[in-house]
Structures are given as C-alpha cells and as structure tokens.
PDB file of N, CA and C in Angstrom:
ATOM      1  N   MET A   1       1.815 -20.451  23.746  1.00  0.00           N
ATOM      2  CA  MET A   1       0.799 -19.430  23.754  1.00  0.00           C
ATOM      3  C   MET A   1      -0.472 -19.972  23.105  1.00  0.00           C
ATOM      4  N   ILE A   2      -1.602 -19.478  23.545  1.00  0.00           N
ATOM      5  CA  ILE A   2      -2.899 -19.907  23.030  1.00  0.00           C
ATOM      6  C   ILE A   2      -3.420 -18.854  22.056  1.00  0.00           C
ATOM      7  N   ASP A   3      -3.847 -19.263  20.867  1.00  0.00           N
ATOM      8  CA  ASP A   3      -4.441 -18.360  19.893  1.00  0.00           C
ATOM      9  C   ASP A   3      -5.850 -18.026  20.351  1.00  0.00           C
ATOM     10  N   MET A   4      -6.111 -16.760  20.645  1.00  0.00           N
ATOM     11  CA  MET A   4      -7.401 -16.333  21.176  1.00  0.00           C
ATOM     12  C   MET A   4      -8.403 -15.951  20.092  1.00  0.00           C
ATOM     13  N   LYS A   5      -8.035 -16.143  18.822  1.00  0.00           N
ATOM     14  CA  LYS A   5      -8.915 -15.799  17.716  1.00  0.00           C
ATOM     15  C   LYS A   5     -10.188 -16.634  17.778  1.00  0.00           C
ATOM     16  N   PHE A   6     -11.326 -15.995  17.446  1.00  0.00           N
ATOM     17  CA  PHE A   6     -12.586 -16.709  17.419  1.00  0.00           C
ATOM     18  C   PHE A   6     -12.535 -17.864  16.430  1.00  0.00           C
ATOM     19  N   THR A   7     -13.136 -18.984  16.781  1.00  0.00           N
ATOM     20  CA  THR A   7     -13.369 -20.040  15.807  1.00  0.00           C
ATOM     21  C   THR A   7     -14.480 -19.537  14.879  1.00  0.00           C
ATOM     22  N   PRO A   8     -14.682 -20.152  13.707  1.00  0.00           N
ATOM     23  CA  PRO A   8     -15.776 -19.698  12.837  1.00  0.00           C
ATOM     24  C   PRO A   8     -17.126 -19.685  13.564  1.00  0.00           C
ATOM     25  N   LYS A   9     -17.380 -20.685  14.396  1.00  0.00           N
ATOM     26  CA  LYS A   9     -18.650 -20.749  15.144  1.00  0.00           C
ATOM     27  C   LYS A   9     -18.747 -19.587  16.127  1.00  0.00           C
ATOM     28  N   GLU A  10     -17.675 -19.312  16.877  1.00  0.00           N
ATOM     29  CA  GLU A  10     -17.684 -18.211  17.835  1.00  0.00           C
ATOM     30  C   GLU A  10     -17.862 -16.870  17.128  1.00  0.00           C
ATOM     31  N   GLY A  11     -17.230 -16.728  15.964  1.00  0.00           N
ATOM     32  CA  GLY A  11     -17.358 -15.488  15.201  1.00  0.00           C
ATOM     33  C   GLY A  11     -18.795 -15.220  14.797  1.00  0.00           C
ATOM     34  N   LYS A  12     -19.502 -16.263  14.361  1.00  0.00           N
ATOM     35  CA  LYS A  12     -20.909 -16.111  13.983  1.00  0.00           C
ATOM     36  C   LYS A  12     -21.761 -15.758  15.193  1.00  0.00           C
ATOM     37  N   GLU A  13     -21.480 -16.375  16.332  1.00  0.00           N
ATOM     38  CA  GLU A  13     -22.256 -16.124  17.547  1.00  0.00           C
ATOM     39  C   GLU A  13     -22.057 -14.709  18.068  1.00  0.00           C
ATOM     40  N   ASN A  14     -20.925 -14.094  17.769  1.00  0.00           N
ATOM     41  CA  ASN A  14     -20.600 -12.776  18.294  1.00  0.00           C
ATOM     42  C   ASN A  14     -20.720 -11.656  17.263  1.00  0.00           C
ATOM     43  N   THR A  15     -21.405 -11.908  16.173  1.00  0.00           N
ATOM     44  CA  THR A  15     -21.594 -10.908  15.131  1.00  0.00           C
ATOM     45  C   THR A  15     -23.012 -10.360  15.204  1.00  0.00           C
ATOM     46  N   ALA A  16     -23.125  -9.056  15.130  1.00  0.00           N
ATOM     47  CA  ALA A  16     -24.451  -8.437  15.071  1.00  0.00           C
ATOM     48  C   ALA A  16     -25.111  -8.833  13.760  1.00  0.00           C
ATOM     49  N   GLU A  17     -26.416  -8.727  13.704  1.00  0.00           N
ATOM     50  CA  GLU A  17     -27.139  -9.155  12.515  1.00  0.00           C
ATOM     51  C   GLU A  17     -27.059  -8.163  11.360  1.00  0.00           C
ATOM     52  N   ALA A  18     -26.517  -6.980  11.586  1.00  0.00           N
ATOM     53  CA  ALA A  18     -26.422  -5.993  10.504  1.00  0.00           C
ATOM     54  C   ALA A  18     -25.545  -6.532   9.389  1.00  0.00           C
ATOM     55  N   ALA A  19     -26.035  -6.472   8.170  1.00  0.00           N
ATOM     56  CA  ALA A  19     -25.339  -7.073   7.025  1.00  0.00           C
ATOM     57  C   ALA A  19     -23.985  -6.433   6.770  1.00  0.00           C
ATOM     58  N   GLU A  20     -23.861  -5.124   6.997  1.00  0.00           N
ATOM     59  CA  GLU A  20     -22.604  -4.456   6.690  1.00  0.00           C
ATOM     60  C   GLU A  20     -21.536  -4.654   7.760  1.00  0.00           C
ATOM     61  N   MET A  21     -21.872  -5.243   8.875  1.00  0.00           N
ATOM     62  CA  MET A  21     -20.887  -5.449   9.936  1.00  0.00           C
ATOM     63  C   MET A  21     -19.979  -6.632   9.605  1.00  0.00           C
ATOM     64  N   VAL A  22     -18.713  -6.511   9.947  1.00  0.00           N
ATOM     65  CA  VAL A  22     -17.745  -7.573   9.743  1.00  0.00           C
ATOM     66  C   VAL A  22     -17.554  -8.304  11.067  1.00  0.00           C
ATOM     67  N   ALA A  23     -17.532  -9.616  11.027  1.00  0.00           N
ATOM     68  CA  ALA A  23     -17.384 -10.412  12.249  1.00  0.00           C
ATOM     69  C   ALA A  23     -16.025 -10.126  12.882  1.00  0.00           C
ATOM     70  N   PRO A  24     -16.002  -9.930  14.211  1.00  0.00           N
ATOM     71  CA  PRO A  24     -14.717  -9.712  14.877  1.00  0.00           C
ATOM     72  C   PRO A  24     -13.882 -10.984  14.866  1.00  0.00           C
ATOM     73  N   SER A  25     -12.560 -10.820  14.845  1.00  0.00           N
ATOM     74  CA  SER A  25     -11.668 -11.975  14.854  1.00  0.00           C
ATOM     75  C   SER A  25     -11.343 -12.439  16.264  1.00  0.00           C
ATOM     76  N   TYR A  26     -11.389 -11.514  17.227  1.00  0.00           N
ATOM     77  CA  TYR A  26     -11.020 -11.821  18.608  1.00  0.00           C
ATOM     78  C   TYR A  26     -12.104 -11.307  19.548  1.00  0.00           C
ATOM     79  N   PRO A  27     -12.238 -11.895  20.738  1.00  0.00           N
ATOM     80  CA  PRO A  27     -13.247 -11.433  21.692  1.00  0.00           C
ATOM     81  C   PRO A  27     -13.003  -9.987  22.128  1.00  0.00           C
ATOM     82  N   TRP A  28     -14.086  -9.295  22.473  1.00  0.00           N
ATOM     83  CA  TRP A  28     -14.005  -7.927  22.954  1.00  0.00           C
ATOM     84  C   TRP A  28     -13.128  -7.890  24.203  1.00  0.00           C
ATOM     85  N   GLY A  29     -12.323  -6.873  24.324  1.00  0.00           N
ATOM     86  CA  GLY A  29     -11.517  -6.692  25.520  1.00  0.00           C
ATOM     87  C   GLY A  29     -10.105  -7.246  25.434  1.00  0.00           C
ATOM     88  N   LEU A  30      -9.760  -7.965  24.363  1.00  0.00           N
ATOM     89  CA  LEU A  30      -8.408  -8.491  24.251  1.00  0.00           C
ATOM     90  C   LEU A  30      -7.489  -7.522  23.516  1.00  0.00           C
ATOM     91  N   SER A  31      -7.998  -6.366  23.147  1.00  0.00           N
ATOM     92  CA  SER A  31      -7.212  -5.372  22.445  1.00  0.00           C
ATOM     93  C   SER A  31      -6.614  -4.394  23.452  1.00  0.00           C
ATOM     94  N   ILE A  32      -5.361  -4.040  23.253  1.00  0.00           N
ATOM     95  CA  ILE A  32      -4.680  -3.077  24.107  1.00  0.00           C
ATOM     96  C   ILE A  32      -4.316  -1.879  23.245  1.00  0.00           C
ATOM     97  N   SER A  33      -4.640  -0.681  23.702  1.00  0.00           N
ATOM     98  CA  SER A  33      -4.263   0.538  23.000  1.00  0.00           C
ATOM     99  C   SER A  33      -3.230   1.273  23.835  1.00  0.00           C
ATOM    100  N   LEU A  34      -2.132   1.649  23.215  1.00  0.00           N
ATOM    101  CA  LEU A  34      -1.074   2.371  23.905  1.00  0.00           C
ATOM    102  C   LEU A  34      -1.071   3.815  23.432  1.00  0.00           C
ATOM    103  N   ASP A  35      -1.264   4.754  24.364  1.00  0.00           N
ATOM    104  CA  ASP A  35      -1.235   6.168  24.004  1.00  0.00           C
ATOM    105  C   ASP A  35       0.197   6.694  24.056  1.00  0.00           C
ATOM    106  N   ASN A  36       0.382   7.965  23.754  1.00  0.00           N
ATOM    107  CA  ASN A  36       1.716   8.559  23.722  1.00  0.00           C
ATOM    108  C   ASN A  36       2.463   8.365  25.033  1.00  0.00           C
ATOM    109  N   ASP A  37       1.782   8.586  26.164  1.00  0.00           N
ATOM    110  CA  ASP A  37       2.434   8.431  27.465  1.00  0.00           C
ATOM    111  C   ASP A  37       2.904   6.994  27.682  1.00  0.00           C
ATOM    112  N   SER A  38       2.068   6.035  27.305  1.00  0.00           N
ATOM    113  CA  SER A  38       2.436   4.625  27.465  1.00  0.00           C
ATOM    114  C   SER A  38       3.591   4.250  26.552  1.00  0.00           C
ATOM    115  N   LEU A  39       3.552   4.717  25.302  1.00  0.00           N
ATOM    116  CA  LEU A  39       4.645   4.448  24.365  1.00  0.00           C
ATOM    117  C   LEU A  39       5.958   5.038  24.884  1.00  0.00           C
ATOM    118  N   GLU A  40       5.867   6.220  25.485  1.00  0.00           N
ATOM    119  CA  GLU A  40       7.067   6.852  26.044  1.00  0.00           C
ATOM    120  C   GLU A  40       7.617   6.032  27.207  1.00  0.00           C
ATOM    121  N   LYS A  41       6.751   5.577  28.109  1.00  0.00           N
ATOM    122  CA  LYS A  41       7.191   4.757  29.238  1.00  0.00           C
ATOM    123  C   LYS A  41       7.867   3.472  28.768  1.00  0.00           C
ATOM    124  N   LEU A  42       7.392   2.932  27.658  1.00  0.00           N
ATOM    125  CA  LEU A  42       7.933   1.680  27.129  1.00  0.00           C
ATOM    126  C   LEU A  42       9.133   1.901  26.209  1.00  0.00           C
ATOM    127  N   GLY A  43       9.518   3.155  26.007  1.00  0.00           N
ATOM    128  CA  GLY A  43      10.664   3.452  25.154  1.00  0.00           C
ATOM    129  C   GLY A  43      10.391   3.208  23.685  1.00  0.00           C
ATOM    130  N   LEU A  44       9.147   3.393  23.249  1.00  0.00           N
ATOM    131  CA  LEU A  44       8.766   3.088  21.872  1.00  0.00           C
ATOM    132  C   LEU A  44       8.365   4.324  21.073  1.00  0.00           C
ATOM    133  N   THR A  45       8.694   5.515  21.566  1.00  0.00           N
ATOM    134  CA  THR A  45       8.257   6.724  20.865  1.00  0.00           C
ATOM    135  C   THR A  45       8.948   6.909  19.516  1.00  0.00           C
ATOM    136  N   ASP A  46      10.154   6.383  19.355  1.00  0.00           N
ATOM    137  CA  ASP A  46      10.879   6.539  18.092  1.00  0.00           C
ATOM    138  C   ASP A  46      10.652   5.382  17.135  1.00  0.00           C
ATOM    139  N   LYS A  47       9.928   4.355  17.548  1.00  0.00           N
ATOM    140  CA  LYS A  47       9.666   3.176  16.722  1.00  0.00           C
ATOM    141  C   LYS A  47       8.616   3.508  15.678  1.00  0.00           C
ATOM    142  N   LYS A  48       8.864   3.152  14.431  1.00  0.00           N
ATOM    143  CA  LYS A  48       7.893   3.313  13.351  1.00  0.00           C
ATOM    144  C   LYS A  48       7.108   2.015  13.232  1.00  0.00           C
ATOM    145  N   PHE A  49       5.836   2.065  13.542  1.00  0.00           N
ATOM    146  CA  PHE A  49       4.983   0.878  13.506  1.00  0.00           C
ATOM    147  C   PHE A  49       4.251   0.796  12.182  1.00  0.00           C
ATOM    148  N   SER A  50       4.001  -0.424  11.742  1.00  0.00           N
ATOM    149  CA  SER A  50       3.170  -0.682  10.565  1.00  0.00           C
ATOM    150  C   SER A  50       2.126  -1.711  10.949  1.00  0.00           C
ATOM    151  N   VAL A  51       0.944  -1.586  10.370  1.00  0.00           N
ATOM    152  CA  VAL A  51      -0.106  -2.568  10.627  1.00  0.00           C
ATOM    153  C   VAL A  51       0.430  -3.936  10.235  1.00  0.00           C
ATOM    154  N   GLY A  52       0.265  -4.910  11.108  1.00  0.00           N
ATOM    155  CA  GLY A  52       0.737  -6.264  10.853  1.00  0.00           C
ATOM    156  C   GLY A  52       2.054  -6.584  11.539  1.00  0.00           C
ATOM    157  N   ASP A  53       2.776  -5.544  12.038  1.00  0.00           N
ATOM    158  CA  ASP A  53       3.997  -5.806  12.796  1.00  0.00           C
ATOM    159  C   ASP A  53       3.670  -6.679  14.000  1.00  0.00           C
ATOM    160  N   GLU A  54       4.600  -7.541  14.373  1.00  0.00           N
ATOM    161  CA  GLU A  54       4.410  -8.373  15.551  1.00  0.00           C
ATOM    162  C   GLU A  54       5.408  -7.972  16.623  1.00  0.00           C
ATOM    163  N   MET A  55       4.949  -8.018  17.875  1.00  0.00           N
ATOM    164  CA  MET A  55       5.783  -7.727  19.030  1.00  0.00           C
ATOM    165  C   MET A  55       5.445  -8.734  20.118  1.00  0.00           C
ATOM    166  N   THR A  56       6.322  -8.827  21.089  1.00  0.00           N
ATOM    167  CA  THR A  56       6.080  -9.684  22.240  1.00  0.00           C
ATOM    168  C   THR A  56       5.821  -8.781  23.438  1.00  0.00           C
ATOM    169  N   ILE A  57       4.760  -9.063  24.175  1.00  0.00           N
ATOM    170  CA  ILE A  57       4.525  -8.316  25.407  1.00  0.00           C
ATOM    171  C   ILE A  57       4.556  -9.286  26.573  1.00  0.00           C
ATOM    172  N   GLU A  58       5.012  -8.781  27.666  1.00  0.00           N
ATOM    173  CA  GLU A  58       5.027  -9.539  28.907  1.00  0.00           C
ATOM    174  C   GLU A  58       4.324  -8.663  29.923  1.00  0.00           C
ATOM    175  N   CYS A  59       3.361  -9.199  30.617  1.00  0.00           N
ATOM    176  CA  CYS A  59       2.560  -8.390  31.532  1.00  0.00           C
ATOM    177  C   CYS A  59       2.489  -9.017  32.921  1.00  0.00           C
ATOM    178  N   VAL A  60       2.399  -8.146  33.891  1.00  0.00           N
ATOM    179  CA  VAL A  60       2.001  -8.543  35.233  1.00  0.00           C
ATOM    180  C   VAL A  60       0.582  -8.034  35.381  1.00  0.00           C
ATOM    181  N   VAL A  61      -0.300  -8.901  35.777  1.00  0.00           N
ATOM    182  CA  VAL A  61      -1.697  -8.500  35.931  1.00  0.00           C
ATOM    183  C   VAL A  61      -2.156  -8.746  37.358  1.00  0.00           C
ATOM    184  N   LYS A  62      -3.160  -7.990  37.744  1.00  0.00           N
ATOM    185  CA  LYS A  62      -3.790  -8.171  39.044  1.00  0.00           C
ATOM    186  C   LYS A  62      -5.239  -8.544  38.770  1.00  0.00           C
ATOM    187  N   VAL A  63      -5.735  -9.550  39.458  1.00  0.00           N
ATOM    188  CA  VAL A  63      -7.136  -9.939  39.296  1.00  0.00           C
ATOM    189  C   VAL A  63      -7.986  -8.786  39.838  1.00  0.00           C
ATOM    190  N   SER A  64      -8.822  -8.210  38.968  1.00  0.00           N
ATOM    191  CA  SER A  64      -9.634  -7.059  39.357  1.00  0.00           C
ATOM    192  C   SER A  64     -11.089  -7.430  39.612  1.00  0.00           C
ATOM    193  N   GLY A  65     -11.471  -8.633  39.243  1.00  0.00           N
ATOM    194  CA  GLY A  65     -12.842  -9.059  39.476  1.00  0.00           C
ATOM    195  C   GLY A  65     -13.007 -10.532  39.173  1.00  0.00           C
ATOM    196  N   VAL A  66     -13.897 -11.160  39.918  1.00  0.00           N
ATOM    197  CA  VAL A  66     -14.201 -12.574  39.710  1.00  0.00           C
ATOM    198  C   VAL A  66     -15.708 -12.717  39.811  1.00  0.00           C
ATOM    199  N   SER A  67     -16.303 -13.397  38.844  1.00  0.00           N
ATOM    200  CA  SER A  67     -17.735 -13.647  38.933  1.00  0.00           C
ATOM    201  C   SER A  67     -18.046 -15.023  38.368  1.00  0.00           C
ATOM    202  N   GLU A  68     -19.157 -15.556  38.820  1.00  0.00           N
ATOM    203  CA  GLU A  68     -19.640 -16.850  38.341  1.00  0.00           C
ATOM    204  C   GLU A  68     -21.153 -16.783  38.319  1.00  0.00           C
ATOM    205  N   ASP A  69     -21.725 -17.091  37.163  1.00  0.00           N
ATOM    206  CA  ASP A  69     -23.177 -17.033  36.992  1.00  0.00           C
ATOM    207  C   ASP A  69     -23.692 -18.371  36.507  1.00  0.00           C
ATOM    208  N   GLU A  70     -24.872 -18.723  36.959  1.00  0.00           N
ATOM    209  CA  GLU A  70     -25.587 -19.891  36.436  1.00  0.00           C
ATOM    210  C   GLU A  70     -26.524 -19.393  35.348  1.00  0.00           C
ATOM    211  N   THR A  71     -26.454 -20.003  34.179  1.00  0.00           N
ATOM    212  CA  THR A  71     -27.358 -19.633  33.102  1.00  0.00           C
ATOM    213  C   THR A  71     -28.268 -20.813  32.787  1.00  0.00           C
ATOM    214  N   ILE A  72     -29.385 -20.508  32.220  1.00  0.00           N
ATOM    215  CA  ILE A  72     -30.357 -21.556  31.912  1.00  0.00           C
ATOM    216  C   ILE A  72     -29.831 -22.488  30.830  1.00  0.00           C
ATOM    217  N   ASN A  73     -29.253 -21.932  29.775  1.00  0.00           N
ATOM    218  CA  ASN A  73     -28.829 -22.742  28.634  1.00  0.00           C
ATOM    219  C   ASN A  73     -27.380 -23.187  28.681  1.00  0.00           C
ATOM    220  N   ASP A  74     -26.495 -22.370  29.256  1.00  0.00           N
ATOM    221  CA  ASP A  74     -25.072 -22.637  29.154  1.00  0.00           C
ATOM    222  C   ASP A  74     -24.433 -23.200  30.429  1.00  0.00           C
ATOM    223  N   GLY A  75     -25.195 -23.402  31.471  1.00  0.00           N
ATOM    224  CA  GLY A  75     -24.607 -23.880  32.722  1.00  0.00           C
ATOM    225  C   GLY A  75     -23.877 -22.752  33.435  1.00  0.00           C
ATOM    226  N   THR A  76     -22.748 -23.055  34.014  1.00  0.00           N
ATOM    227  CA  THR A  76     -21.989 -22.054  34.756  1.00  0.00           C
ATOM    228  C   THR A  76     -21.094 -21.261  33.812  1.00  0.00           C
ATOM    229  N   ARG A  77     -21.138 -19.944  33.947  1.00  0.00           N
ATOM    230  CA  ARG A  77     -20.283 -19.059  33.162  1.00  0.00           C
ATOM    231  C   ARG A  77     -19.394 -18.290  34.138  1.00  0.00           C
ATOM    232  N   LYS A  78     -18.079 -18.385  33.940  1.00  0.00           N
ATOM    233  CA  LYS A  78     -17.128 -17.721  34.822  1.00  0.00           C
ATOM    234  C   LYS A  78     -16.458 -16.567  34.093  1.00  0.00           C
ATOM    235  N   ARG A  79     -16.028 -15.562  34.863  1.00  0.00           N
ATOM    236  CA  ARG A  79     -15.284 -14.436  34.318  1.00  0.00           C
ATOM    237  C   ARG A  79     -14.241 -14.010  35.327  1.00  0.00           C
ATOM    238  N   VAL A  80     -13.039 -13.779  34.844  1.00  0.00           N
ATOM    239  CA  VAL A  80     -11.967 -13.244  35.671  1.00  0.00           C
ATOM    240  C   VAL A  80     -11.460 -11.992  34.975  1.00  0.00           C
ATOM    241  N   GLY A  81     -11.549 -10.852  35.656  1.00  0.00           N
ATOM    242  CA  GLY A  81     -11.042  -9.598  35.114  1.00  0.00           C
ATOM    243  C   GLY A  81      -9.581  -9.432  35.504  1.00  0.00           C
ATOM    244  N   LEU A  82      -8.762  -9.011  34.569  1.00  0.00           N
ATOM    245  CA  LEU A  82      -7.347  -8.812  34.823  1.00  0.00           C
ATOM    246  C   LEU A  82      -6.964  -7.376  34.479  1.00  0.00           C
ATOM    247  N   GLN A  83      -6.351  -6.695  35.416  1.00  0.00           N
ATOM    248  CA  GLN A  83      -5.839  -5.344  35.192  1.00  0.00           C
ATOM    249  C   GLN A  83      -4.344  -5.433  34.985  1.00  0.00           C
ATOM    250  N   ILE A  84      -3.862  -4.964  33.839  1.00  0.00           N
ATOM    251  CA  ILE A  84      -2.422  -4.942  33.595  1.00  0.00           C
ATOM    252  C   ILE A  84      -1.813  -3.884  34.505  1.00  0.00           C
ATOM    253  N   THR A  85      -0.844  -4.296  35.329  1.00  0.00           N
ATOM    254  CA  THR A  85      -0.192  -3.356  36.237  1.00  0.00           C
ATOM    255  C   THR A  85       1.232  -3.040  35.801  1.00  0.00           C
ATOM    256  N   GLU A  86       1.883  -3.945  35.114  1.00  0.00           N
ATOM    257  CA  GLU A  86       3.228  -3.728  34.587  1.00  0.00           C
ATOM    258  C   GLU A  86       3.308  -4.403  33.235  1.00  0.00           C
ATOM    259  N   MET A  87       4.057  -3.779  32.318  1.00  0.00           N
ATOM    260  CA  MET A  87       4.123  -4.339  30.981  1.00  0.00           C
ATOM    261  C   MET A  87       5.471  -4.022  30.355  1.00  0.00           C
ATOM    262  N   GLY A  88       5.972  -4.942  29.570  1.00  0.00           N
ATOM    263  CA  GLY A  88       7.163  -4.726  28.758  1.00  0.00           C
ATOM    264  C   GLY A  88       6.855  -5.141  27.338  1.00  0.00           C
ATOM    265  N   VAL A  89       7.445  -4.454  26.374  1.00  0.00           N
ATOM    266  CA  VAL A  89       7.216  -4.762  24.967  1.00  0.00           C
ATOM    267  C   VAL A  89       8.557  -4.956  24.288  1.00  0.00           C
ATOM    268  N   LYS A  90       8.662  -6.006  23.497  1.00  0.00           N
ATOM    269  CA  LYS A  90       9.873  -6.272  22.735  1.00  0.00           C
ATOM    270  C   LYS A  90       9.487  -6.307  21.266  1.00  0.00           C
ATOM    271  N   THR A  91      10.086  -5.428  20.483  1.00  0.00           N
ATOM    272  CA  THR A  91       9.829  -5.454  19.052  1.00  0.00           C
ATOM    273  C   THR A  91      10.709  -6.526  18.438  1.00  0.00           C
ATOM    274  N   ASP A  92      10.219  -7.161  17.398  1.00  0.00           N
ATOM    275  CA  ASP A  92      10.962  -8.237  16.750  1.00  0.00           C
ATOM    276  C   ASP A  92      12.163  -7.686  15.992  1.00  0.00           C
ATOM    277  N   THR A  93      13.308  -8.264  16.233  1.00  0.00           N
ATOM    278  CA  THR A  93      14.491  -7.938  15.443  1.00  0.00           C
ATOM    279  C   THR A  93      14.480  -8.810  14.197  1.00  0.00           C
ATOM    280  N   GLU A  94      15.330  -8.535  13.257  1.00  0.00           N
ATOM    281  CA  GLU A  94      15.403  -9.349  12.035  1.00  0.00           C
ATOM    282  C   GLU A  94      15.739 -10.795  12.375  1.00  0.00           C
ATOM    283  N   GLU A  95      16.611 -11.011  13.376  1.00  0.00           N
ATOM    284  CA  GLU A  95      16.960 -12.376  13.789  1.00  0.00           C
ATOM    285  C   GLU A  95      15.737 -13.099  14.346  1.00  0.00           C
ATOM    286  N   ASP A  96      14.908 -12.373  15.137  1.00  0.00           N
ATOM    287  CA  ASP A  96      13.694 -12.969  15.684  1.00  0.00           C
ATOM    288  C   ASP A  96      12.752 -13.387  14.556  1.00  0.00           C
ATOM    289  N   LYS A  97      12.606 -12.522  13.548  1.00  0.00           N
ATOM    290  CA  LYS A  97      11.720 -12.826  12.423  1.00  0.00           C
ATOM    291  C   LYS A  97      12.198 -14.062  11.668  1.00  0.00           C
ATOM    292  N   GLN A  98      13.517 -14.175  11.475  1.00  0.00           N
ATOM    293  CA  GLN A  98      14.057 -15.332  10.786  1.00  0.00           C
ATOM    294  C   GLN A  98      13.854 -16.595  11.602  1.00  0.00           C
ATOM    295  N   ALA A  99      14.040 -16.517  12.906  1.00  0.00           N
ATOM    296  CA  ALA A  99      13.842 -17.684  13.764  1.00  0.00           C
ATOM    297  C   ALA A  99      12.372 -18.109  13.741  1.00  0.00           C
ATOM    298  N   LYS A 100      11.454 -17.169  13.748  1.00  0.00           N
ATOM    299  CA  LYS A 100      10.036 -17.507  13.691  1.00  0.00           C
ATOM    300  C   LYS A 100       9.711 -18.219  12.387  1.00  0.00           C
ATOM    301  N   GLY A 101      10.359 -17.817  11.310  1.00  0.00           N
ATOM    302  CA  GLY A 101      10.129 -18.449  10.015  1.00  0.00           C
ATOM    303  C   GLY A 101      10.464 -19.915  10.032  1.00  0.00           C
ATOM    304  N   ILE A 102      11.447 -20.286  10.823  1.00  0.00           N
ATOM    305  CA  ILE A 102      11.847 -21.690  10.931  1.00  0.00           C
ATOM    306  C   ILE A 102      10.789 -22.499  11.658  1.00  0.00           C
ATOM    307  N   TYR A 103      10.197 -21.903  12.706  1.00  0.00           N
ATOM    308  CA  TYR A 103       9.288 -22.639  13.567  1.00  0.00           C
ATOM    309  C   TYR A 103       7.818 -22.333  13.316  1.00  0.00           C
ATOM    310  N   LYS A 104       7.527 -21.396  12.439  1.00  0.00           N
ATOM    311  CA  LYS A 104       6.155 -20.983  12.202  1.00  0.00           C
ATOM    312  C   LYS A 104       5.347 -22.101  11.587  1.00  0.00           C
ATOM    313  N   LYS A 105       4.116 -22.267  12.107  1.00  0.00           N
ATOM    314  CA  LYS A 105       3.214 -23.283  11.562  1.00  0.00           C
ATOM    315  C   LYS A 105       2.716 -22.802  10.208  1.00  0.00           C
ATOM    316  N   GLY A 106       2.590 -23.709   9.270  1.00  0.00           N
ATOM    317  CA  GLY A 106       2.151 -23.339   7.921  1.00  0.00           C
ATOM    318  C   GLY A 106       0.804 -23.711   7.674  1.00  0.00           C
TER     319      GLY A 106
END
C-alpha cells in the first residue's frame, strides 16, 4: 500500500495562508464518510469506534472522469476520478493488531 499522506513540502503548498489554519495531512477527497445507512449495509452498526482505530477496506471503483491539462509551470496535470461502487470493511481483530506489531515500520 502507498502512504498518501502529504510530504512536508506538499503540506505547505496545500495550506491556506491563514495563521490559525492547520495544514492538512492528506489530499482533499481521500476521506470517506460512512453514514448510518452505509454502516448498516457493512454490518458495522454495533461496532464501537474510537478515533485512531484502524480498519481495512477493499473497494471496487468505477472511473467516473478523466482529464488532462497542460499548465504553464507544471507541464501536464492528469486527474482520474473514481466512484466507489462496492466496498467491504474489516475491523482489526486482536490477532491482526499483534501481527501488525511484528511487521510495523518503526
């Protein structure tokens, strides 16, 4: 898997100039929000979530848009839009957490 977190340089480039604003860690649009209906479809209505919990998702996506622009300073800029059409979520079991501890980068 690829870590999509902004590098320090990308974070600075994507931060508004307002002093009180905090630089985002990830690019806009990589966040998924699951409402009650979605949680119910995924069988997660009884799960107690805490901030920082990790889960694995597997998605089927459909390409919803493709564009390519020429820019003066950056050359060619491409964008591919992906619409999630099917999704599964697996919450980490205690065994999964222990296995990750063995292989986790420090």
